[in-house]
Each structure stands twice: as structure tokens, then as C-alpha cells.
Amino acid sequence: MSFIALVPGQMVAPGLLVTIGECVSRTIGLSVRVLEPILEPPEAYDPQRRQYSSTAILRLLIELRPQEAARLVAITEQDIFIPMLSFIFGQAQLDGRVALVSLARLRQEFYGLPPDEEVFRERACKETLHELGHTFGLTHCDDLGCTMSLATSIQQVDTKSATFCPACTILLAERLGRFGRSTARPSEEESP
């Protein structure tokens, strides 16, 4: 049976992984297993940027994905980047097997605001679903409320929901069919 593997980096709170796992399982319909924590590869760290290369971490994740896992998503506390952008919230192999989500810029504290655990957990769920969507072949969506909409700022993360729009739900359901799932779970607005 296929499942989604969640791999925490060092220092990721176990309670957050439970929240993300429940969100992913409820929305995508595959079971979730939390694997042992990993250390981000030291060679991925760029001392000039004081960030980690997401591409270097993804290379490690490809090797770590259990054969029976449909997808593997790593959740890291580290701030990540790709060379053409100053930061990213996450990265995934498009129609691939692995994804990475950074928590660093999802916390209110990063922006000089008081902590808000509920907002933080919601953002983490949205970004995890977004990156998983990419692994199932979904691209960025024009529907700003869809979890697949592009977010280059925290305000854009907050604007979107932790659900797929009707069009993305259909595309995801088609992709999930190969894992024994005929449909993705619709958003609450679409439920009868």
C-alpha cells in the first residue's frame, strides 16, 4: 500500500508533524508515516546567504525515499533558497517523488510579530499540500484560493486555502488513481 512519508529535519516539533500528517491524509487520501529525523546535508549550507540549497537537500531525499512510499516530503526548520530567488517556502520535483517545505518563514516571529501557533500550523499544511501537488504533476493555479496558487510572500500564503480548487481536485484525482485512489478528497465547500 502506498503512503506519504514525512521526514522531519532536526528540531521540527512532533506535534506539528501530526497536524501536517492529518491534513495531508484528509485532503489527499493516502496514509502518512513519519520517518526518523534527518540532518540537512552540511554541503547544502551556503555561508554567504546563511541559507540551505533546496536542490542539494532534494538530492538527499531522492536517496532516502522508501521504495514503498508514493511520495516523501521533508519538513525543515532551515531557510532555503534556489539561486534565482532570495528564498522559497518549498520545492518539489514536478511529477516526481520528493518535496521539501521550509518552516523558517512561516512563523509570525520571522516578521517581527507575536507567535500564533494556529496560523503557523495552517501555513505549514498549505505549503506541504502545495509541494505534494507538484509531485503529483500539478502546476501553479490561477485560482488565488487554491493551495496550488503561487506564493512568493507570506501574504499570498495566507490568501490561499489548504484545499485544492475543483480543477486541481480533478487533476489530482486522476493522478491518485494509480495509487488505488479514484478521487482526491474535495474541499469542504465542495462536499455535499
C-alpha atoms as a PDB file:
ATOM      1  CA  MET A   1       0.000   0.000   0.000  1.00  0.00           C
ATOM      2  CA  SER A   2       1.321   3.442  -0.928  1.00  0.00           C
ATOM      3  CA  PHE A   3       1.756   6.155   1.643  1.00  0.00           C
ATOM      4  CA  ILE A   4       3.198   9.634   2.016  1.00  0.00           C
ATOM      5  CA  ALA A   5       6.417   9.678   4.037  1.00  0.00           C
ATOM      6  CA  LEU A   6       7.047  12.756   6.201  1.00  0.00           C
ATOM      7  CA  VAL A   7      10.662  13.285   7.187  1.00  0.00           C
ATOM      8  CA  PRO A   8      11.421  15.955   9.775  1.00  0.00           C
ATOM      9  CA  GLY A   9      14.667  17.833   9.885  1.00  0.00           C
ATOM     10  CA  GLN A  10      16.292  18.367  13.252  1.00  0.00           C
ATOM     11  CA  MET A  11      14.247  20.441  15.700  1.00  0.00           C
ATOM     12  CA  VAL A  12      10.860  20.022  13.956  1.00  0.00           C
ATOM     13  CA  ALA A  13       8.189  19.602  16.648  1.00  0.00           C
ATOM     14  CA  PRO A  14       6.472  16.185  16.631  1.00  0.00           C
ATOM     15  CA  GLY A  15       3.073  17.820  17.219  1.00  0.00           C
ATOM     16  CA  LEU A  16       3.441  19.807  14.004  1.00  0.00           C
ATOM     17  CA  LEU A  17       4.138  16.604  12.085  1.00  0.00           C
ATOM     18  CA  VAL A  18       0.899  15.119  13.444  1.00  0.00           C
ATOM     19  CA  THR A  19      -1.020  18.200  12.252  1.00  0.00           C
ATOM     20  CA  ILE A  20       0.582  18.079   8.794  1.00  0.00           C
ATOM     21  CA  GLY A  21       0.036  14.323   8.545  1.00  0.00           C
ATOM     22  CA  GLU A  22      -3.657  14.624   9.381  1.00  0.00           C
ATOM     23  CA  CYS A  23      -4.070  17.470   6.886  1.00  0.00           C
ATOM     24  CA  VAL A  24      -2.351  15.515   4.100  1.00  0.00           C
ATOM     25  CA  SER A  25      -4.207  12.281   4.812  1.00  0.00           C
ATOM     26  CA  ARG A  26      -7.587  14.030   4.998  1.00  0.00           C
ATOM     27  CA  THR A  27      -7.012  16.066   1.823  1.00  0.00           C
ATOM     28  CA  ILE A  28      -5.115  13.654  -0.412  1.00  0.00           C
ATOM     29  CA  GLY A  29      -6.491  10.400   0.945  1.00  0.00           C
ATOM     30  CA  LEU A  30      -3.244   8.466   1.343  1.00  0.00           C
ATOM     31  CA  SER A  31      -1.948   7.402   4.727  1.00  0.00           C
ATOM     32  CA  VAL A  32       1.028   9.257   6.187  1.00  0.00           C
ATOM     33  CA  ARG A  33       4.013   7.822   8.023  1.00  0.00           C
ATOM     34  CA  VAL A  34       6.520   9.933   9.914  1.00  0.00           C
ATOM     35  CA  LEU A  35      10.082   8.695   9.439  1.00  0.00           C
ATOM     36  CA  GLU A  36      13.158   9.295  11.554  1.00  0.00           C
ATOM     37  CA  PRO A  37      14.578  12.843  11.543  1.00  0.00           C
ATOM     38  CA  ILE A  38      17.404  13.680   9.183  1.00  0.00           C
ATOM     39  CA  LEU A  39      20.227  16.179   9.297  1.00  0.00           C
ATOM     40  CA  GLU A  40      20.288  18.636   6.450  1.00  0.00           C
ATOM     41  CA  PRO A  41      23.466  17.921   4.470  1.00  0.00           C
ATOM     42  CA  PRO A  42      26.245  20.317   5.533  1.00  0.00           C
ATOM     43  CA  GLU A  43      27.247  20.805   1.898  1.00  0.00           C
ATOM     44  CA  ALA A  44      23.796  22.302   1.245  1.00  0.00           C
ATOM     45  CA  TYR A  45      24.589  25.263   3.514  1.00  0.00           C
ATOM     46  CA  ASP A  46      25.667  28.479   1.801  1.00  0.00           C
ATOM     47  CA  PRO A  47      27.513  30.609   4.385  1.00  0.00           C
ATOM     48  CA  GLN A  48      27.258  33.789   2.296  1.00  0.00           C
ATOM     49  CA  ARG A  49      23.471  33.514   2.091  1.00  0.00           C
ATOM     50  CA  ARG A  50      23.105  31.845   5.521  1.00  0.00           C
ATOM     51  CA  GLN A  51      20.568  29.529   3.885  1.00  0.00           C
ATOM     52  CA  TYR A  52      20.387  25.961   2.622  1.00  0.00           C
ATOM     53  CA  SER A  53      20.191  24.983  -1.027  1.00  0.00           C
ATOM     54  CA  SER A  54      16.858  23.228  -1.518  1.00  0.00           C
ATOM     55  CA  THR A  55      18.215  21.440  -4.586  1.00  0.00           C
ATOM     56  CA  ALA A  56      21.009  19.847  -2.554  1.00  0.00           C
ATOM     57  CA  ILE A  57      18.518  18.678   0.075  1.00  0.00           C
ATOM     58  CA  LEU A  58      16.204  17.259  -2.607  1.00  0.00           C
ATOM     59  CA  ARG A  59      19.118  15.177  -3.943  1.00  0.00           C
ATOM     60  CA  LEU A  60      19.498  13.603  -0.497  1.00  0.00           C
ATOM     61  CA  LEU A  61      15.744  12.971  -0.245  1.00  0.00           C
ATOM     62  CA  ILE A  62      15.715  11.039  -3.514  1.00  0.00           C
ATOM     63  CA  GLU A  63      18.110   8.545  -1.926  1.00  0.00           C
ATOM     64  CA  LEU A  64      16.145   8.377   1.358  1.00  0.00           C
ATOM     65  CA  ARG A  65      12.651   7.728  -0.053  1.00  0.00           C
ATOM     66  CA  PRO A  66      11.455   4.250   0.916  1.00  0.00           C
ATOM     67  CA  GLN A  67      10.567   2.216  -2.181  1.00  0.00           C
ATOM     68  CA  GLU A  68       7.004   1.646  -0.927  1.00  0.00           C
ATOM     69  CA  ALA A  69       6.365   5.356  -0.310  1.00  0.00           C
ATOM     70  CA  ALA A  70       4.359   7.117  -3.015  1.00  0.00           C
ATOM     71  CA  ARG A  71       5.981  10.416  -2.047  1.00  0.00           C
ATOM     72  CA  LEU A  72       8.403  11.769   0.536  1.00  0.00           C
ATOM     73  CA  VAL A  73       8.129  15.265   1.977  1.00  0.00           C
ATOM     74  CA  ALA A  74      10.821  16.666   4.230  1.00  0.00           C
ATOM     75  CA  ILE A  75       9.909  19.403   6.688  1.00  0.00           C
ATOM     76  CA  THR A  76      12.842  21.577   7.723  1.00  0.00           C
ATOM     77  CA  GLU A  77      13.361  24.495  10.075  1.00  0.00           C
ATOM     78  CA  GLN A  78      16.120  25.794   7.793  1.00  0.00           C
ATOM     79  CA  ASP A  79      15.651  28.769   5.489  1.00  0.00           C
ATOM     80  CA  ILE A  80      16.022  27.506   1.908  1.00  0.00           C
ATOM     81  CA  PHE A  81      16.761  29.023  -1.488  1.00  0.00           C
ATOM     82  CA  ILE A  82      17.288  28.388  -5.149  1.00  0.00           C
ATOM     83  CA  PRO A  83      19.930  30.507  -6.913  1.00  0.00           C
ATOM     84  CA  MET A  84      17.456  32.735  -8.777  1.00  0.00           C
ATOM     85  CA  LEU A  85      15.380  33.643  -5.663  1.00  0.00           C
ATOM     86  CA  SER A  86      16.281  35.080  -2.277  1.00  0.00           C
ATOM     87  CA  PHE A  87      14.120  32.421  -0.540  1.00  0.00           C
ATOM     88  CA  ILE A  88      11.453  29.824  -1.164  1.00  0.00           C
ATOM     89  CA  PHE A  89       8.817  28.265   1.084  1.00  0.00           C
ATOM     90  CA  GLY A  90       9.361  24.880  -0.530  1.00  0.00           C
ATOM     91  CA  GLN A  91      10.406  22.968  -3.606  1.00  0.00           C
ATOM     92  CA  ALA A  92       9.351  19.724  -5.235  1.00  0.00           C
ATOM     93  CA  GLN A  93      10.167  17.552  -8.187  1.00  0.00           C
ATOM     94  CA  LEU A  94       7.374  18.243 -10.661  1.00  0.00           C
ATOM     95  CA  ASP A  95       5.678  14.876 -11.208  1.00  0.00           C
ATOM     96  CA  GLY A  96       8.457  13.375  -9.106  1.00  0.00           C
ATOM     97  CA  ARG A  97       8.726  11.624  -5.762  1.00  0.00           C
ATOM     98  CA  VAL A  98      10.187  14.123  -3.287  1.00  0.00           C
ATOM     99  CA  ALA A  99       9.441  17.566  -1.891  1.00  0.00           C
ATOM    100  CA  LEU A 100      10.783  19.926   0.738  1.00  0.00           C
ATOM    101  CA  VAL A 101       8.985  22.505   2.903  1.00  0.00           C
ATOM    102  CA  SER A 102      10.743  25.147   4.984  1.00  0.00           C
ATOM    103  CA  LEU A 103       9.133  26.372   8.194  1.00  0.00           C
ATOM    104  CA  ALA A 104      11.584  29.253   8.645  1.00  0.00           C
ATOM    105  CA  ARG A 105       9.439  31.977   7.069  1.00  0.00           C
ATOM    106  CA  LEU A 106       6.046  30.532   8.021  1.00  0.00           C
ATOM    107  CA  ARG A 107       6.228  31.748  11.623  1.00  0.00           C
ATOM    108  CA  GLN A 108       4.839  35.125  12.619  1.00  0.00           C
ATOM    109  CA  GLU A 109       8.029  35.770  14.601  1.00  0.00           C
ATOM    110  CA  PHE A 110      10.056  35.880  11.376  1.00  0.00           C
ATOM    111  CA  TYR A 111       8.150  39.074  10.508  1.00  0.00           C
ATOM    112  CA  GLY A 112       8.527  40.634  13.961  1.00  0.00           C
ATOM    113  CA  LEU A 113       5.029  39.639  15.085  1.00  0.00           C
ATOM    114  CA  PRO A 114       3.924  37.713  18.187  1.00  0.00           C
ATOM    115  CA  PRO A 115       3.765  33.925  17.779  1.00  0.00           C
ATOM    116  CA  ASP A 116       0.498  32.442  16.503  1.00  0.00           C
ATOM    117  CA  GLU A 117       0.591  28.653  16.542  1.00  0.00           C
ATOM    118  CA  GLU A 118      -2.706  28.260  14.670  1.00  0.00           C
ATOM    119  CA  VAL A 119      -1.579  30.491  11.795  1.00  0.00           C
ATOM    120  CA  PHE A 120       1.793  28.724  11.698  1.00  0.00           C
ATOM    121  CA  ARG A 121       0.237  25.245  11.513  1.00  0.00           C
ATOM    122  CA  GLU A 122      -2.193  26.330   8.802  1.00  0.00           C
ATOM    123  CA  ARG A 123       0.645  27.762   6.728  1.00  0.00           C
ATOM    124  CA  ALA A 124       2.671  24.566   7.144  1.00  0.00           C
ATOM    125  CA  CYS A 125      -0.291  22.483   5.927  1.00  0.00           C
ATOM    126  CA  LYS A 126      -0.865  24.737   2.915  1.00  0.00           C
ATOM    127  CA  GLU A 127       2.753  24.622   1.827  1.00  0.00           C
ATOM    128  CA  THR A 128       3.009  20.850   2.328  1.00  0.00           C
ATOM    129  CA  LEU A 129      -0.113  20.271   0.222  1.00  0.00           C
ATOM    130  CA  HIS A 130       1.220  22.702  -2.390  1.00  0.00           C
ATOM    131  CA  GLU A 131       4.538  20.878  -2.738  1.00  0.00           C
ATOM    132  CA  LEU A 132       2.827  17.472  -2.753  1.00  0.00           C
ATOM    133  CA  GLY A 133       0.571  18.762  -5.520  1.00  0.00           C
ATOM    134  CA  HIS A 134       3.672  19.457  -7.604  1.00  0.00           C
ATOM    135  CA  THR A 135       4.915  15.896  -7.054  1.00  0.00           C
ATOM    136  CA  PHE A 136       1.615  14.671  -8.499  1.00  0.00           C
ATOM    137  CA  GLY A 137       2.138  16.843 -11.583  1.00  0.00           C
ATOM    138  CA  LEU A 138       0.054  19.876 -10.638  1.00  0.00           C
ATOM    139  CA  THR A 139       1.419  23.263 -11.671  1.00  0.00           C
ATOM    140  CA  HIS A 140       0.632  26.688 -10.237  1.00  0.00           C
ATOM    141  CA  CYS A 141      -3.061  27.542 -10.306  1.00  0.00           C
ATOM    142  CA  ASP A 142      -4.612  30.902 -11.233  1.00  0.00           C
ATOM    143  CA  ASP A 143      -7.262  30.475  -8.505  1.00  0.00           C
ATOM    144  CA  LEU A 144      -5.771  32.525  -5.645  1.00  0.00           C
ATOM    145  CA  GLY A 145      -7.769  30.490  -3.112  1.00  0.00           C
ATOM    146  CA  CYS A 146      -6.342  27.160  -4.310  1.00  0.00           C
ATOM    147  CA  THR A 147      -3.465  25.664  -2.379  1.00  0.00           C
ATOM    148  CA  MET A 148      -1.671  25.335  -5.737  1.00  0.00           C
ATOM    149  CA  SER A 149      -1.572  29.107  -6.277  1.00  0.00           C
ATOM    150  CA  LEU A 150       1.922  30.586  -6.366  1.00  0.00           C
ATOM    151  CA  ALA A 151       3.061  32.204  -3.117  1.00  0.00           C
ATOM    152  CA  THR A 152       6.160  34.383  -3.141  1.00  0.00           C
ATOM    153  CA  SER A 153       5.170  36.252   0.020  1.00  0.00           C
ATOM    154  CA  ILE A 154       3.612  35.276   3.327  1.00  0.00           C
ATOM    155  CA  GLN A 155       0.544  37.348   2.429  1.00  0.00           C
ATOM    156  CA  GLN A 156      -0.014  35.098  -0.602  1.00  0.00           C
ATOM    157  CA  VAL A 157       0.318  32.017   1.622  1.00  0.00           C
ATOM    158  CA  ASP A 158      -2.339  33.468   3.912  1.00  0.00           C
ATOM    159  CA  THR A 159      -4.670  34.257   0.998  1.00  0.00           C
ATOM    160  CA  LYS A 160      -4.858  30.693  -0.276  1.00  0.00           C
ATOM    161  CA  SER A 161      -6.635  27.815   1.434  1.00  0.00           C
ATOM    162  CA  ALA A 162      -5.464  24.369   2.488  1.00  0.00           C
ATOM    163  CA  THR A 163      -7.643  22.800  -0.212  1.00  0.00           C
ATOM    164  CA  PHE A 164      -7.425  22.254  -3.938  1.00  0.00           C
ATOM    165  CA  CYS A 165      -9.805  24.129  -6.255  1.00  0.00           C
ATOM    166  CA  PRO A 166     -12.271  21.992  -8.276  1.00  0.00           C
ATOM    167  CA  ALA A 167      -9.982  21.875 -11.344  1.00  0.00           C
ATOM    168  CA  CYS A 168      -6.907  20.868  -9.324  1.00  0.00           C
ATOM    169  CA  THR A 169      -9.002  18.333  -7.376  1.00  0.00           C
ATOM    170  CA  ILE A 170      -9.922  16.631 -10.659  1.00  0.00           C
ATOM    171  CA  LEU A 171      -6.313  16.596 -11.868  1.00  0.00           C
ATOM    172  CA  LEU A 172      -5.104  15.260  -8.539  1.00  0.00           C
ATOM    173  CA  ALA A 173      -7.776  12.546  -8.545  1.00  0.00           C
ATOM    174  CA  GLU A 174      -6.566  11.387 -11.955  1.00  0.00           C
ATOM    175  CA  ARG A 175      -3.000  11.157 -10.653  1.00  0.00           C
ATOM    176  CA  LEU A 176      -4.055   9.381  -7.463  1.00  0.00           C
ATOM    177  CA  GLY A 177      -5.867   6.721  -9.478  1.00  0.00           C
ATOM    178  CA  ARG A 178      -2.574   4.897  -9.958  1.00  0.00           C
ATOM    179  CA  PHE A 179      -2.283   4.522  -6.168  1.00  0.00           C
ATOM    180  CA  GLY A 180      -5.657   2.860  -5.801  1.00  0.00           C
ATOM    181  CA  ARG A 181      -7.452   6.125  -5.058  1.00  0.00           C
ATOM    182  CA  SER A 182     -10.085   7.086  -7.587  1.00  0.00           C
ATOM    183  CA  THR A 183     -10.621  10.585  -6.238  1.00  0.00           C
ATOM    184  CA  ALA A 184      -8.950  13.189  -4.115  1.00  0.00           C
ATOM    185  CA  ARG A 185     -10.991  14.499  -1.244  1.00  0.00           C
ATOM    186  CA  PRO A 186     -12.911  17.635  -2.225  1.00  0.00           C
ATOM    187  CA  SER A 187     -12.624  20.799  -0.244  1.00  0.00           C
ATOM    188  CA  GLU A 188     -15.280  21.459   2.380  1.00  0.00           C
ATOM    189  CA  GLU A 189     -17.012  23.927   0.079  1.00  0.00           C
ATOM    190  CA  GLU A 190     -17.495  21.179  -2.490  1.00  0.00           C
ATOM    191  CA  SER A 191     -18.703  18.461  -0.111  1.00  0.00           C
ATOM    192  CA  PRO A 192     -22.405  17.588  -0.359  1.00  0.00           C
END
